[in-house]
């Protein structure tokens, strides 16, 4: 839907959804498949529901989401939790039947010319968190570069990601690179450069359509370029003219077309809800639970139209 039409879109236009049981997740993409595949699992950033652990869990249960991309809880970043806090939240999630899909770390969201030894030590905490929460993915970024041209910092970025990928390989963890605006890998071409140059099975792509829109890239062209590297999705959409974040399918991110292409390649993995909807948005605002549920319903409406199976296992 074009950005100009968004002002007349109401939450009632986000279609109702139907969830069908599926099998387990492979988290893989297989070439040469030309039919709707799956199953997929819906996960999400519950710290956009609320800060408090209990409210995060209740919000996930209300939205019928059985996985969590763990970025923060009780107002604390996942990397800054104490061992006692980790154990407490692990227990709460276990009691609720919720599992962690990915550690939504802030690694790589610093200047490339910062103290990277200190940052690498923090990265090792992210690997530890993946082990503690029994998940195989850690989200990361490819560094800010201040006023420097991307080409001037490319080799520094590659070296850091190679080092991290080697450590992740040893830990049995797969790093998923998010195409965040303003970092080295914010365009599809530079994402591809990083992924192919590092060349590790433990460094793959977390595809975020909204972020590509906000960087002026075409989402379908980005998908075509990166498809063989994508094993994880962040689900949000955006309007090209304004950068406004909207529910999936209501912006210029071609979310439905990208997911259709991914499923037709055999994608079976996590679709992570990252609403980024504004509380005061006249169309999509409201409380954290309301915004998260709206974003989840929009995604499930797309999955229903595509005939995709969803699993909670």
Protein backbone atom coordinates (compact mmCIF):
# COMPACT_ATOMS: atom_id res chain seq x y z
CA UNK A 1 0.00 0.00 0.00
CA UNK A 2 1.37 3.39 -0.90
CA UNK A 3 2.41 5.70 1.89
CA UNK A 4 -0.08 8.37 0.86
CA UNK A 5 -2.95 6.03 1.57
CA UNK A 6 -1.88 5.12 5.07
CA UNK A 7 -3.82 7.90 6.76
CA UNK A 8 -7.08 6.16 5.94
CA UNK A 9 -5.97 2.69 7.00
CA UNK A 10 -7.41 1.50 10.30
CA UNK A 11 -6.49 -1.48 12.42
CA UNK A 12 -9.70 -3.19 11.28
CA UNK A 13 -8.10 -3.51 7.84
CA UNK A 14 -5.43 -5.83 9.25
CA UNK A 15 -7.01 -9.14 8.29
CA UNK A 16 -7.88 -11.85 10.75
CA UNK A 17 -5.56 -14.79 10.80
CA UNK A 18 -5.65 -18.54 10.94
CA UNK A 19 -2.80 -20.62 12.36
CA UNK A 20 -2.25 -24.18 11.25
CA UNK A 21 -0.02 -26.62 13.09
CA UNK A 22 3.24 -27.58 11.48
CA UNK A 23 6.36 -29.57 12.18
CA UNK A 24 9.76 -28.61 13.52
CA UNK A 25 12.04 -25.85 12.28
CA UNK A 26 15.08 -26.34 10.14
CA UNK A 27 16.04 -22.66 10.00
CA UNK A 28 17.29 -23.23 6.47
CA UNK A 29 16.66 -22.09 2.90
CA UNK A 30 16.86 -24.65 0.11
CA UNK A 31 17.23 -23.65 -3.52
CA UNK A 32 15.12 -25.15 -6.26
CA UNK A 33 11.82 -25.39 -4.35
CA UNK A 34 8.87 -23.84 -6.17
CA UNK A 35 5.93 -24.30 -3.84
CA UNK A 36 4.85 -22.83 -0.52
CA UNK A 37 6.96 -24.40 2.19
CA UNK A 38 7.49 -23.98 5.89
CA UNK A 39 6.66 -24.29 8.62
CA UNK A 40 7.64 -20.94 10.07
CA UNK A 41 7.63 -19.83 13.68
CA UNK A 42 6.58 -16.39 14.88
CA UNK A 43 8.85 -14.85 17.49
CA UNK A 44 9.36 -11.26 18.55
CA UNK A 45 10.92 -8.56 20.67
CA UNK A 46 8.85 -8.69 23.85
CA UNK A 47 10.58 -5.63 25.29
CA UNK A 48 8.33 -3.68 22.90
CA UNK A 49 5.38 -5.10 24.85
CA UNK A 50 6.67 -4.01 28.24
CA UNK A 51 9.85 -3.84 30.31
CA UNK A 52 8.72 -6.17 33.11
CA UNK A 53 9.29 -9.89 32.62
CA UNK A 54 5.80 -10.91 33.67
CA UNK A 55 4.17 -8.43 31.32
CA UNK A 56 6.38 -9.57 28.44
CA UNK A 57 5.35 -13.18 28.99
CA UNK A 58 1.67 -12.29 29.35
CA UNK A 59 1.80 -10.23 26.16
CA UNK A 60 3.42 -13.05 24.19
CA UNK A 61 0.81 -15.49 25.46
CA UNK A 62 -1.99 -13.06 24.57
CA UNK A 63 -0.63 -12.85 21.02
CA UNK A 64 -0.16 -16.64 20.90
CA UNK A 65 3.58 -16.36 20.35
CA UNK A 66 5.72 -19.13 21.85
CA UNK A 67 9.16 -17.70 21.10
CA UNK A 68 11.08 -14.60 22.17
CA UNK A 69 13.93 -12.66 20.59
CA UNK A 70 15.61 -11.57 23.79
CA UNK A 71 16.92 -8.02 23.72
CA UNK A 72 16.06 -6.80 27.20
CA UNK A 73 14.02 -7.62 30.28
CA UNK A 74 13.12 -5.64 33.39
CA UNK A 75 14.75 -2.61 31.78
CA UNK A 76 18.14 -4.33 31.43
CA UNK A 77 19.88 -5.29 28.20
CA UNK A 78 20.31 -9.04 27.80
CA UNK A 79 24.10 -8.70 27.94
CA UNK A 80 23.95 -6.84 31.25
CA UNK A 81 21.86 -9.37 33.15
CA UNK A 82 23.47 -10.98 36.18
CA UNK A 83 23.71 -14.76 36.38
CA UNK A 84 20.92 -14.70 38.97
CA UNK A 85 18.71 -12.62 36.67
CA UNK A 86 19.40 -15.00 33.78
CA UNK A 87 18.37 -17.99 35.87
CA UNK A 88 15.25 -16.27 37.14
CA UNK A 89 14.07 -15.31 33.65
CA UNK A 90 14.95 -18.74 32.28
CA UNK A 91 12.69 -20.23 34.90
CA UNK A 92 9.86 -17.83 34.12
CA UNK A 93 10.08 -18.57 30.41
CA UNK A 94 10.21 -22.30 31.05
CA UNK A 95 7.13 -22.17 33.25
CA UNK A 96 5.30 -20.29 30.47
CA UNK A 97 6.42 -22.64 27.71
CA UNK A 98 8.26 -19.85 25.88
CA UNK A 99 11.64 -20.40 24.25
CA UNK A 100 14.28 -17.95 23.07
CA UNK A 101 14.77 -17.87 19.29
CA UNK A 102 17.67 -15.45 19.23
CA UNK A 103 19.76 -13.20 21.46
CA UNK A 104 18.91 -9.74 20.14
CA UNK A 105 22.28 -8.31 21.06
CA UNK A 106 23.56 -4.78 20.36
CA UNK A 107 26.91 -6.15 19.18
CA UNK A 108 28.33 -4.17 16.27
CA UNK A 109 26.18 -1.15 17.05
CA UNK A 110 29.24 0.90 17.99
CA UNK A 111 31.76 2.95 16.04
CA UNK A 112 34.22 0.80 14.10
CA UNK A 113 37.09 2.86 15.56
CA UNK A 114 35.95 2.34 19.16
CA UNK A 115 37.71 0.05 21.68
CA UNK A 116 36.93 -3.18 19.88
CA UNK A 117 38.78 -5.40 22.35
CA UNK A 118 36.32 -4.34 25.01
CA UNK A 119 33.50 -4.83 22.53
CA UNK A 120 34.70 -8.32 21.62
CA UNK A 121 34.58 -9.26 25.29
CA UNK A 122 30.97 -8.10 25.28
CA UNK A 123 30.36 -10.21 22.18
CA UNK A 124 31.57 -13.24 24.11
CA UNK A 125 28.86 -12.53 26.67
CA UNK A 126 26.33 -12.72 23.83
CA UNK A 127 27.62 -16.19 22.94
CA UNK A 128 27.30 -17.15 26.60
CA UNK A 129 23.70 -15.91 26.66
CA UNK A 130 22.88 -18.07 23.64
CA UNK A 131 24.13 -21.08 25.57
CA UNK A 132 22.29 -20.09 28.74
CA UNK A 133 18.99 -19.61 26.91
CA UNK A 134 19.52 -22.65 24.67
CA UNK A 135 19.24 -20.81 21.36
CA UNK A 136 21.36 -21.01 18.23
CA UNK A 137 21.20 -17.43 16.93
CA UNK A 138 22.78 -14.12 18.00
CA UNK A 139 21.77 -10.93 16.19
CA UNK A 140 24.53 -8.42 15.48
CA UNK A 141 25.36 -5.36 13.36
CA UNK A 142 28.30 -4.24 11.23
CA UNK A 143 29.40 -1.05 12.98
CA UNK A 144 28.84 2.67 12.57
CA UNK A 145 31.50 4.64 10.72
CA UNK A 146 30.88 8.28 11.68
CA UNK A 147 31.64 10.63 8.78
CA UNK A 148 33.90 8.17 6.96
CA UNK A 149 32.92 6.63 3.66
CA UNK A 150 31.96 2.96 3.94
CA UNK A 151 34.85 1.94 1.69
CA UNK A 152 37.32 3.47 4.14
CA UNK A 153 36.25 1.13 6.95
CA UNK A 154 35.36 -1.99 4.96
CA UNK A 155 38.47 -3.98 5.83
CA UNK A 156 38.13 -3.13 9.53
CA UNK A 157 34.51 -4.30 9.53
CA UNK A 158 35.37 -7.51 7.68
CA UNK A 159 38.17 -8.29 10.13
CA UNK A 160 35.89 -7.88 13.14
CA UNK A 161 33.14 -10.03 11.64
CA UNK A 162 35.66 -12.72 10.68
CA UNK A 163 36.89 -12.81 14.26
CA UNK A 164 33.34 -13.00 15.61
CA UNK A 165 32.32 -15.67 13.11
CA UNK A 166 35.29 -17.80 14.16
CA UNK A 167 34.28 -17.53 17.81
CA UNK A 168 30.66 -18.28 16.95
CA UNK A 169 31.72 -21.36 15.01
CA UNK A 170 33.58 -22.66 18.04
CA UNK A 171 30.55 -21.96 20.24
CA UNK A 172 28.10 -23.61 17.84
CA UNK A 173 26.17 -20.36 17.37
CA UNK A 174 25.06 -18.69 14.14
CA UNK A 175 25.33 -14.91 13.92
CA UNK A 176 22.57 -13.13 12.02
CA UNK A 177 23.47 -9.72 10.62
CA UNK A 178 20.72 -7.11 10.66
CA UNK A 179 20.71 -4.49 7.90
CA UNK A 180 20.38 -1.54 10.28
CA UNK A 181 20.36 1.98 8.85
CA UNK A 182 23.66 3.81 9.27
CA UNK A 183 25.96 0.81 9.75
CA UNK A 184 28.37 -0.51 7.12
CA UNK A 185 25.96 -3.23 6.04
CA UNK A 186 22.85 -1.12 5.55
CA UNK A 187 22.56 -1.63 1.79
CA UNK A 188 22.00 -5.00 0.13
CA UNK A 189 25.24 -4.68 -1.82
CA UNK A 190 27.36 -4.13 1.30
CA UNK A 191 25.48 -6.88 3.15
CA UNK A 192 26.37 -9.25 0.33
CA UNK A 193 29.98 -8.06 0.38
CA UNK A 194 30.27 -8.86 4.09
CA UNK A 195 28.57 -12.23 3.91
CA UNK A 196 30.54 -13.45 0.91
CA UNK A 197 33.89 -12.06 2.07
CA UNK A 198 33.62 -13.53 5.56
CA UNK A 199 32.26 -16.68 3.95
CA UNK A 200 31.23 -18.44 7.15
CA UNK A 201 28.28 -20.75 7.69
CA UNK A 202 28.06 -19.10 11.11
CA UNK A 203 27.44 -15.59 9.72
CA UNK A 204 24.15 -15.23 7.89
CA UNK A 205 21.53 -12.52 7.27
CA UNK A 206 18.55 -11.37 9.30
CA UNK A 207 16.47 -9.68 6.59
CA UNK A 208 14.61 -6.53 7.68
CA UNK A 209 12.39 -5.08 4.91
CA UNK A 210 11.63 -1.84 6.76
CA UNK A 211 15.29 -1.05 7.27
CA UNK A 212 15.99 -1.51 3.57
CA UNK A 213 13.10 0.84 2.75
CA UNK A 214 14.50 3.46 5.12
CA UNK A 215 17.86 3.18 3.35
CA UNK A 216 16.28 3.73 -0.06
CA UNK A 217 16.69 0.13 -1.20
CA UNK A 218 14.07 -1.96 -2.96
CA UNK A 219 13.13 -4.92 -0.75
CA UNK A 220 12.51 -7.42 -3.54
CA UNK A 221 15.77 -6.53 -5.25
CA UNK A 222 17.48 -6.83 -1.87
CA UNK A 223 15.93 -10.25 -1.38
CA UNK A 224 17.03 -11.40 -4.83
CA UNK A 225 20.59 -10.39 -3.98
CA UNK A 226 20.70 -11.92 -0.49
CA UNK A 227 18.28 -14.85 -0.67
CA UNK A 228 20.89 -17.57 -0.32
CA UNK A 229 22.22 -15.96 2.88
CA UNK A 230 18.94 -15.24 4.70
CA UNK A 231 18.03 -17.58 7.55
CA UNK A 232 16.06 -15.20 9.81
CA UNK A 233 13.60 -12.33 9.33
CA UNK A 234 12.75 -9.21 11.28
CA UNK A 235 9.18 -8.33 10.42
CA UNK A 236 8.26 -4.68 10.12
CA UNK A 237 7.34 -2.44 7.22
CA UNK A 238 7.97 1.20 6.39
CA UNK A 239 6.75 3.96 4.10
CA UNK A 240 9.42 5.10 1.66
CA UNK A 241 8.50 8.80 1.57
CA UNK A 242 8.48 9.35 5.33
CA UNK A 243 10.27 6.37 6.87
CA UNK A 244 7.20 5.77 9.03
CA UNK A 245 7.08 2.22 10.41
CA UNK A 246 3.79 0.41 9.84
CA UNK A 247 2.49 -3.17 10.21
CA UNK A 248 3.68 -5.74 7.70
CA UNK A 249 2.05 -5.32 4.30
CA UNK A 250 1.02 -1.69 4.79
CA UNK A 251 4.23 -0.01 3.64
CA UNK A 252 6.68 -0.18 0.77
CA UNK A 253 8.71 -3.15 2.04
CA UNK A 254 7.03 -5.76 -0.18
CA UNK A 255 6.79 -7.98 2.89
CA UNK A 256 4.27 -10.38 1.39
CA UNK A 257 6.21 -10.73 -1.86
CA UNK A 258 9.49 -11.27 -0.02
CA UNK A 259 7.99 -13.91 2.26
CA UNK A 260 6.34 -15.63 -0.71
CA UNK A 261 9.71 -15.80 -2.43
CA UNK A 262 11.38 -17.08 0.74
CA UNK A 263 8.77 -19.79 1.24
CA UNK A 264 9.05 -20.82 -2.39
CA UNK A 265 12.78 -21.29 -1.83
CA UNK A 266 12.00 -23.61 1.08
CA UNK A 267 12.49 -21.19 3.97
CA UNK A 268 11.64 -22.72 7.33
CA UNK A 269 12.62 -20.58 10.28
CA UNK A 270 11.85 -17.63 12.49
CA UNK A 271 9.86 -14.51 11.62
CA UNK A 272 10.56 -12.02 14.39
CA UNK A 273 8.01 -9.31 15.15
CA UNK A 274 9.71 -5.97 15.81
CA UNK A 275 6.72 -3.60 15.82
CA UNK A 276 8.49 -0.21 16.18
CA UNK A 277 4.99 1.30 16.08
CA UNK A 278 4.62 4.60 17.89
CA UNK A 279 2.39 4.75 20.95
CA UNK A 280 0.76 7.97 19.71
CA UNK A 281 0.35 6.83 16.09
CA UNK A 282 -3.28 7.66 15.13
CA UNK A 283 -3.64 4.43 13.15
CA UNK A 284 -1.39 1.94 14.91
CA UNK A 285 -0.78 3.38 18.36
CA UNK A 286 -1.83 2.18 21.79
CA UNK A 287 -0.22 0.17 24.54
CA UNK A 288 2.63 -2.26 24.07
CA UNK A 289 0.45 -5.37 24.01
CA UNK A 290 -1.93 -3.75 21.53
CA UNK A 291 0.86 -2.71 19.17
CA UNK A 292 2.60 -6.08 19.36
CA UNK A 293 -0.65 -7.94 18.74
CA UNK A 294 -1.50 -5.68 15.80
CA UNK A 295 1.90 -6.32 14.24
CA UNK A 296 1.57 -10.06 14.83
CA UNK A 297 -1.92 -10.18 13.34
CA UNK A 298 -0.70 -8.35 10.23
CA UNK A 299 2.04 -10.94 9.74
CA UNK A 300 -0.31 -13.86 10.29
CA UNK A 301 -2.75 -12.42 7.76
CA UNK A 302 0.07 -12.53 5.20
CA UNK A 303 1.00 -16.09 6.18
CA UNK A 304 -2.64 -17.13 5.80
CA UNK A 305 -2.86 -15.61 2.32
CA UNK A 306 0.33 -17.44 1.38
CA UNK A 307 -0.93 -20.73 2.78
CA UNK A 308 2.07 -20.98 5.09
CA UNK A 309 2.08 -23.31 8.07
CA UNK A 310 3.05 -21.96 11.48
CA UNK A 311 4.60 -24.04 14.22
CA UNK A 312 5.16 -23.39 17.91
CA UNK A 313 7.80 -26.11 18.19
